[in-house]
């Protein structure tokens, strides 16, 4: 099982491969910021800090559209590796933090 570390809170959990990051943390009794859980509000935004190759599935259309909008409205996030915890499916080890907006 992949291990994921939230560097903002020092929470480390094992997540079942294929689970979304949000679901994996919730199954381990840990809460991540969230809103719609559908990938359109951006409340569950995370910044990937350290990752192995292919630690997350590629963003699909809804997630990518939301990430593009967030980056347009927050230029300081433009060059960051961002994902949405409610949409990103875990396939390997990585760490993340909750970015400042």
N, C-alpha and C. Protein backbone atom coordinates (compact mmCIF):
# COMPACT_ATOMS: atom_id res chain seq x y z
N UNK A 1 0.84 -1.18 0.00
CA UNK A 1 0.00 0.00 0.00
C UNK A 1 0.88 1.25 0.00
N UNK A 2 0.54 2.22 -0.83
CA UNK A 2 1.31 3.47 -0.85
C UNK A 2 1.21 4.22 0.48
N UNK A 3 2.30 4.89 0.84
CA UNK A 3 2.33 5.73 2.03
C UNK A 3 2.33 7.19 1.59
N UNK A 4 1.46 7.98 2.22
CA UNK A 4 1.32 9.39 1.86
C UNK A 4 1.49 10.23 3.12
N UNK A 5 2.30 11.29 3.01
CA UNK A 5 2.57 12.18 4.13
C UNK A 5 2.01 13.56 3.86
N UNK A 6 1.19 14.06 4.78
CA UNK A 6 0.71 15.44 4.74
C UNK A 6 1.70 16.27 5.53
N UNK A 7 2.56 17.00 4.85
CA UNK A 7 3.60 17.79 5.53
C UNK A 7 3.02 18.98 6.28
N UNK A 8 1.80 19.38 5.98
CA UNK A 8 1.18 20.49 6.71
C UNK A 8 0.79 20.09 8.12
N UNK A 9 0.50 18.81 8.32
CA UNK A 9 0.06 18.35 9.64
C UNK A 9 0.91 17.20 10.17
N UNK A 10 1.89 16.74 9.41
CA UNK A 10 2.74 15.59 9.75
C UNK A 10 1.96 14.29 9.86
N UNK A 11 0.77 14.22 9.26
CA UNK A 11 -0.01 12.99 9.25
C UNK A 11 0.49 12.11 8.12
N UNK A 12 0.78 10.84 8.45
CA UNK A 12 1.23 9.88 7.46
C UNK A 12 0.25 8.71 7.48
N UNK A 13 -0.24 8.34 6.30
CA UNK A 13 -1.19 7.23 6.23
C UNK A 13 -0.85 6.32 5.06
N UNK A 14 -1.30 5.08 5.18
CA UNK A 14 -1.24 4.15 4.08
C UNK A 14 -2.59 4.24 3.36
N UNK A 15 -2.52 4.37 2.05
CA UNK A 15 -3.72 4.54 1.24
C UNK A 15 -3.81 3.38 0.26
N UNK A 16 -4.99 2.80 0.14
CA UNK A 16 -5.18 1.73 -0.82
C UNK A 16 -4.96 2.27 -2.23
N UNK A 17 -4.20 1.55 -3.02
CA UNK A 17 -3.94 1.96 -4.39
C UNK A 17 -5.26 2.11 -5.13
N UNK A 18 -5.43 3.24 -5.81
CA UNK A 18 -6.66 3.52 -6.57
C UNK A 18 -7.67 4.36 -5.81
N UNK A 19 -7.49 4.52 -4.49
CA UNK A 19 -8.37 5.41 -3.72
C UNK A 19 -7.99 6.86 -4.01
N UNK A 20 -8.96 7.75 -3.93
CA UNK A 20 -8.61 9.16 -3.99
C UNK A 20 -7.85 9.51 -2.71
N UNK A 21 -7.07 10.55 -2.78
CA UNK A 21 -6.32 10.98 -1.60
C UNK A 21 -7.28 11.30 -0.46
N UNK A 22 -8.35 12.02 -0.75
CA UNK A 22 -9.33 12.37 0.28
C UNK A 22 -9.89 11.10 0.94
N UNK A 23 -10.34 10.13 0.13
CA UNK A 23 -10.93 8.90 0.68
C UNK A 23 -9.91 8.12 1.51
N UNK A 24 -8.66 8.07 1.03
CA UNK A 24 -7.63 7.35 1.76
C UNK A 24 -7.38 7.93 3.14
N UNK A 25 -7.35 9.25 3.23
CA UNK A 25 -7.15 9.88 4.53
C UNK A 25 -8.38 9.69 5.41
N UNK A 26 -9.56 9.82 4.83
CA UNK A 26 -10.79 9.65 5.61
C UNK A 26 -10.88 8.23 6.18
N UNK A 27 -10.52 7.22 5.41
CA UNK A 27 -10.55 5.83 5.88
C UNK A 27 -9.61 5.63 7.07
N UNK A 28 -8.59 6.48 7.17
CA UNK A 28 -7.64 6.40 8.28
C UNK A 28 -7.97 7.38 9.40
N UNK A 29 -9.19 7.93 9.38
CA UNK A 29 -9.62 8.82 10.45
C UNK A 29 -9.03 10.21 10.39
N UNK A 30 -8.49 10.60 9.23
CA UNK A 30 -7.87 11.92 9.07
C UNK A 30 -8.71 12.76 8.11
N UNK A 31 -8.93 13.99 8.47
CA UNK A 31 -9.71 14.90 7.62
C UNK A 31 -8.80 15.79 6.80
N UNK A 32 -9.15 15.99 5.56
CA UNK A 32 -8.51 16.97 4.69
C UNK A 32 -9.55 18.03 4.36
N UNK A 33 -9.12 19.25 4.08
CA UNK A 33 -10.09 20.28 3.68
C UNK A 33 -10.89 19.78 2.47
N UNK A 34 -12.18 20.07 2.47
CA UNK A 34 -13.01 19.66 1.35
C UNK A 34 -14.24 20.54 1.25
N UNK A 35 -14.87 20.46 0.09
CA UNK A 35 -16.10 21.20 -0.16
C UNK A 35 -17.06 20.29 -0.90
N UNK A 36 -17.07 20.42 -2.21
CA UNK A 36 -18.05 19.71 -3.04
C UNK A 36 -17.74 18.22 -3.22
N UNK A 37 -16.49 17.82 -3.08
CA UNK A 37 -16.02 16.45 -3.32
C UNK A 37 -16.30 15.98 -4.75
N UNK A 38 -16.47 16.93 -5.67
CA UNK A 38 -16.71 16.60 -7.08
C UNK A 38 -15.64 17.18 -7.99
N UNK A 39 -14.73 17.96 -7.44
CA UNK A 39 -13.64 18.50 -8.24
C UNK A 39 -13.89 19.86 -8.84
N UNK A 40 -14.98 20.53 -8.44
CA UNK A 40 -15.23 21.84 -9.03
C UNK A 40 -14.99 23.03 -8.12
N UNK A 41 -14.94 22.84 -6.81
CA UNK A 41 -14.80 24.01 -5.94
C UNK A 41 -13.35 24.35 -5.62
N UNK A 42 -12.46 23.37 -5.61
CA UNK A 42 -11.05 23.61 -5.35
C UNK A 42 -10.67 23.69 -3.88
N UNK A 43 -11.60 23.46 -2.98
CA UNK A 43 -11.32 23.55 -1.55
C UNK A 43 -10.30 22.51 -1.10
N UNK A 44 -10.25 21.38 -1.76
CA UNK A 44 -9.34 20.29 -1.36
C UNK A 44 -7.99 20.37 -2.07
N UNK A 45 -7.61 21.56 -2.51
CA UNK A 45 -6.35 21.76 -3.22
C UNK A 45 -5.15 21.35 -2.38
N UNK A 46 -4.24 20.60 -3.01
CA UNK A 46 -2.98 20.21 -2.37
C UNK A 46 -1.83 20.54 -3.31
N UNK A 47 -0.65 20.69 -2.73
CA UNK A 47 0.56 20.88 -3.51
C UNK A 47 1.46 19.67 -3.28
N UNK A 48 1.85 19.01 -4.35
CA UNK A 48 2.73 17.87 -4.25
C UNK A 48 4.14 18.38 -3.92
N UNK A 49 4.74 17.83 -2.87
CA UNK A 49 6.06 18.28 -2.42
C UNK A 49 7.14 17.32 -2.91
N UNK A 50 6.97 16.05 -2.62
CA UNK A 50 7.92 15.02 -3.05
C UNK A 50 7.10 13.87 -3.62
N UNK A 51 7.59 13.30 -4.71
CA UNK A 51 6.83 12.23 -5.33
C UNK A 51 7.75 11.29 -6.08
N UNK A 52 7.30 10.07 -6.17
CA UNK A 52 7.93 9.11 -7.06
C UNK A 52 7.22 9.26 -8.41
N UNK A 53 7.83 8.79 -9.45
CA UNK A 53 7.17 8.84 -10.76
C UNK A 53 5.84 8.08 -10.69
N UNK A 54 4.82 8.67 -11.28
CA UNK A 54 3.50 8.04 -11.35
C UNK A 54 2.89 7.69 -9.99
N UNK A 55 3.00 8.61 -9.02
CA UNK A 55 2.41 8.38 -7.69
C UNK A 55 0.92 8.67 -7.66
N UNK A 56 0.45 9.43 -8.65
CA UNK A 56 -0.97 9.77 -8.77
C UNK A 56 -1.40 9.56 -10.21
N UNK A 57 -2.66 9.23 -10.39
CA UNK A 57 -3.18 9.15 -11.75
C UNK A 57 -3.18 10.54 -12.36
N UNK A 58 -3.20 10.63 -13.68
CA UNK A 58 -3.24 11.91 -14.36
C UNK A 58 -4.58 12.60 -14.09
N UNK A 59 -4.59 13.94 -14.00
CA UNK A 59 -5.86 14.64 -13.78
C UNK A 59 -6.79 14.47 -14.98
N UNK A 60 -8.05 14.28 -14.69
CA UNK A 60 -9.06 14.20 -15.74
C UNK A 60 -9.62 15.60 -15.98
N UNK A 61 -10.52 15.73 -16.90
CA UNK A 61 -10.99 17.03 -17.38
C UNK A 61 -11.52 17.94 -16.28
N UNK A 62 -12.40 17.45 -15.43
CA UNK A 62 -12.99 18.30 -14.38
C UNK A 62 -11.90 18.83 -13.46
N UNK A 63 -11.01 17.95 -13.01
CA UNK A 63 -9.93 18.38 -12.12
C UNK A 63 -9.01 19.37 -12.82
N UNK A 64 -8.63 19.08 -14.06
CA UNK A 64 -7.71 19.95 -14.78
C UNK A 64 -8.31 21.33 -15.00
N UNK A 65 -9.60 21.39 -15.32
CA UNK A 65 -10.27 22.68 -15.50
C UNK A 65 -10.25 23.49 -14.20
N UNK A 66 -10.52 22.84 -13.09
CA UNK A 66 -10.50 23.53 -11.79
C UNK A 66 -9.10 24.00 -11.45
N UNK A 67 -8.09 23.16 -11.68
CA UNK A 67 -6.71 23.55 -11.41
C UNK A 67 -6.29 24.73 -12.28
N UNK A 68 -6.69 24.73 -13.55
CA UNK A 68 -6.37 25.86 -14.44
C UNK A 68 -6.98 27.16 -13.92
N UNK A 69 -8.21 27.11 -13.45
CA UNK A 69 -8.89 28.28 -12.92
C UNK A 69 -8.18 28.78 -11.65
N UNK A 70 -7.80 27.86 -10.77
CA UNK A 70 -7.10 28.23 -9.54
C UNK A 70 -5.78 28.92 -9.87
N UNK A 71 -5.04 28.37 -10.82
CA UNK A 71 -3.75 28.96 -11.19
C UNK A 71 -3.92 30.33 -11.85
N UNK A 72 -4.98 30.51 -12.61
CA UNK A 72 -5.25 31.82 -13.22
C UNK A 72 -5.55 32.87 -12.15
N UNK A 73 -6.28 32.48 -11.13
CA UNK A 73 -6.67 33.42 -10.08
C UNK A 73 -5.60 33.60 -8.99
N UNK A 74 -4.63 32.70 -8.94
CA UNK A 74 -3.58 32.72 -7.92
C UNK A 74 -2.22 32.56 -8.61
N UNK A 75 -1.70 33.62 -9.21
CA UNK A 75 -0.46 33.52 -9.98
C UNK A 75 0.72 32.92 -9.22
N UNK A 76 0.75 33.08 -7.89
CA UNK A 76 1.85 32.51 -7.11
C UNK A 76 1.82 30.98 -7.10
N UNK A 77 0.72 30.37 -7.54
CA UNK A 77 0.60 28.91 -7.60
C UNK A 77 0.87 28.36 -9.00
N UNK A 78 1.12 29.25 -9.95
CA UNK A 78 1.22 28.87 -11.36
C UNK A 78 2.21 27.74 -11.62
N UNK A 79 3.37 27.77 -11.00
CA UNK A 79 4.41 26.78 -11.27
C UNK A 79 4.45 25.63 -10.26
N UNK A 80 3.45 25.55 -9.40
CA UNK A 80 3.39 24.50 -8.39
C UNK A 80 2.69 23.26 -8.97
N UNK A 81 3.06 22.11 -8.46
CA UNK A 81 2.40 20.86 -8.86
C UNK A 81 1.19 20.68 -7.95
N UNK A 82 0.03 21.03 -8.46
CA UNK A 82 -1.21 21.03 -7.69
C UNK A 82 -2.12 19.89 -8.12
N UNK A 83 -2.89 19.42 -7.16
CA UNK A 83 -3.92 18.42 -7.43
C UNK A 83 -5.09 18.69 -6.50
N UNK A 84 -6.20 18.01 -6.75
CA UNK A 84 -7.37 18.07 -5.88
C UNK A 84 -7.48 16.73 -5.16
N UNK A 85 -7.50 16.77 -3.84
CA UNK A 85 -7.52 15.54 -3.04
C UNK A 85 -8.75 14.69 -3.32
N UNK A 86 -9.85 15.30 -3.72
CA UNK A 86 -11.07 14.54 -3.97
C UNK A 86 -11.04 13.82 -5.31
N UNK A 87 -10.11 14.17 -6.20
CA UNK A 87 -10.06 13.58 -7.54
C UNK A 87 -8.80 12.77 -7.81
N UNK A 88 -7.69 13.12 -7.17
CA UNK A 88 -6.40 12.47 -7.44
C UNK A 88 -6.38 11.07 -6.84
N UNK A 89 -6.16 10.08 -7.68
CA UNK A 89 -6.10 8.70 -7.21
C UNK A 89 -4.65 8.30 -6.96
N UNK A 90 -4.43 7.71 -5.80
CA UNK A 90 -3.09 7.35 -5.34
C UNK A 90 -2.64 6.02 -5.95
N UNK A 91 -1.41 6.01 -6.47
CA UNK A 91 -0.83 4.77 -6.98
C UNK A 91 0.59 4.54 -6.46
N UNK A 92 1.14 5.51 -5.72
CA UNK A 92 2.49 5.38 -5.18
C UNK A 92 2.73 6.33 -4.02
N UNK A 93 3.91 6.28 -3.44
CA UNK A 93 4.27 7.11 -2.29
C UNK A 93 4.51 8.55 -2.71
N UNK A 94 4.08 9.49 -1.87
CA UNK A 94 4.37 10.92 -2.09
C UNK A 94 4.05 11.70 -0.84
N UNK A 95 4.46 12.97 -0.84
CA UNK A 95 4.10 13.87 0.24
C UNK A 95 3.51 15.14 -0.37
N UNK A 96 2.69 15.80 0.44
CA UNK A 96 2.00 17.00 -0.03
C UNK A 96 1.84 17.98 1.12
N UNK A 97 1.44 19.19 0.77
CA UNK A 97 1.07 20.17 1.78
C UNK A 97 -0.15 20.92 1.29
N UNK A 98 -0.79 21.63 2.20
CA UNK A 98 -1.93 22.47 1.84
C UNK A 98 -1.36 23.84 1.49
N UNK A 99 -1.50 24.28 0.23
CA UNK A 99 -0.90 25.57 -0.15
C UNK A 99 -1.66 26.76 0.38
N UNK A 100 -0.95 27.86 0.57
CA UNK A 100 -1.58 29.12 0.96
C UNK A 100 -2.16 29.76 -0.28
N UNK A 101 -3.32 30.35 -0.13
CA UNK A 101 -3.94 31.05 -1.27
C UNK A 101 -3.99 32.52 -1.02
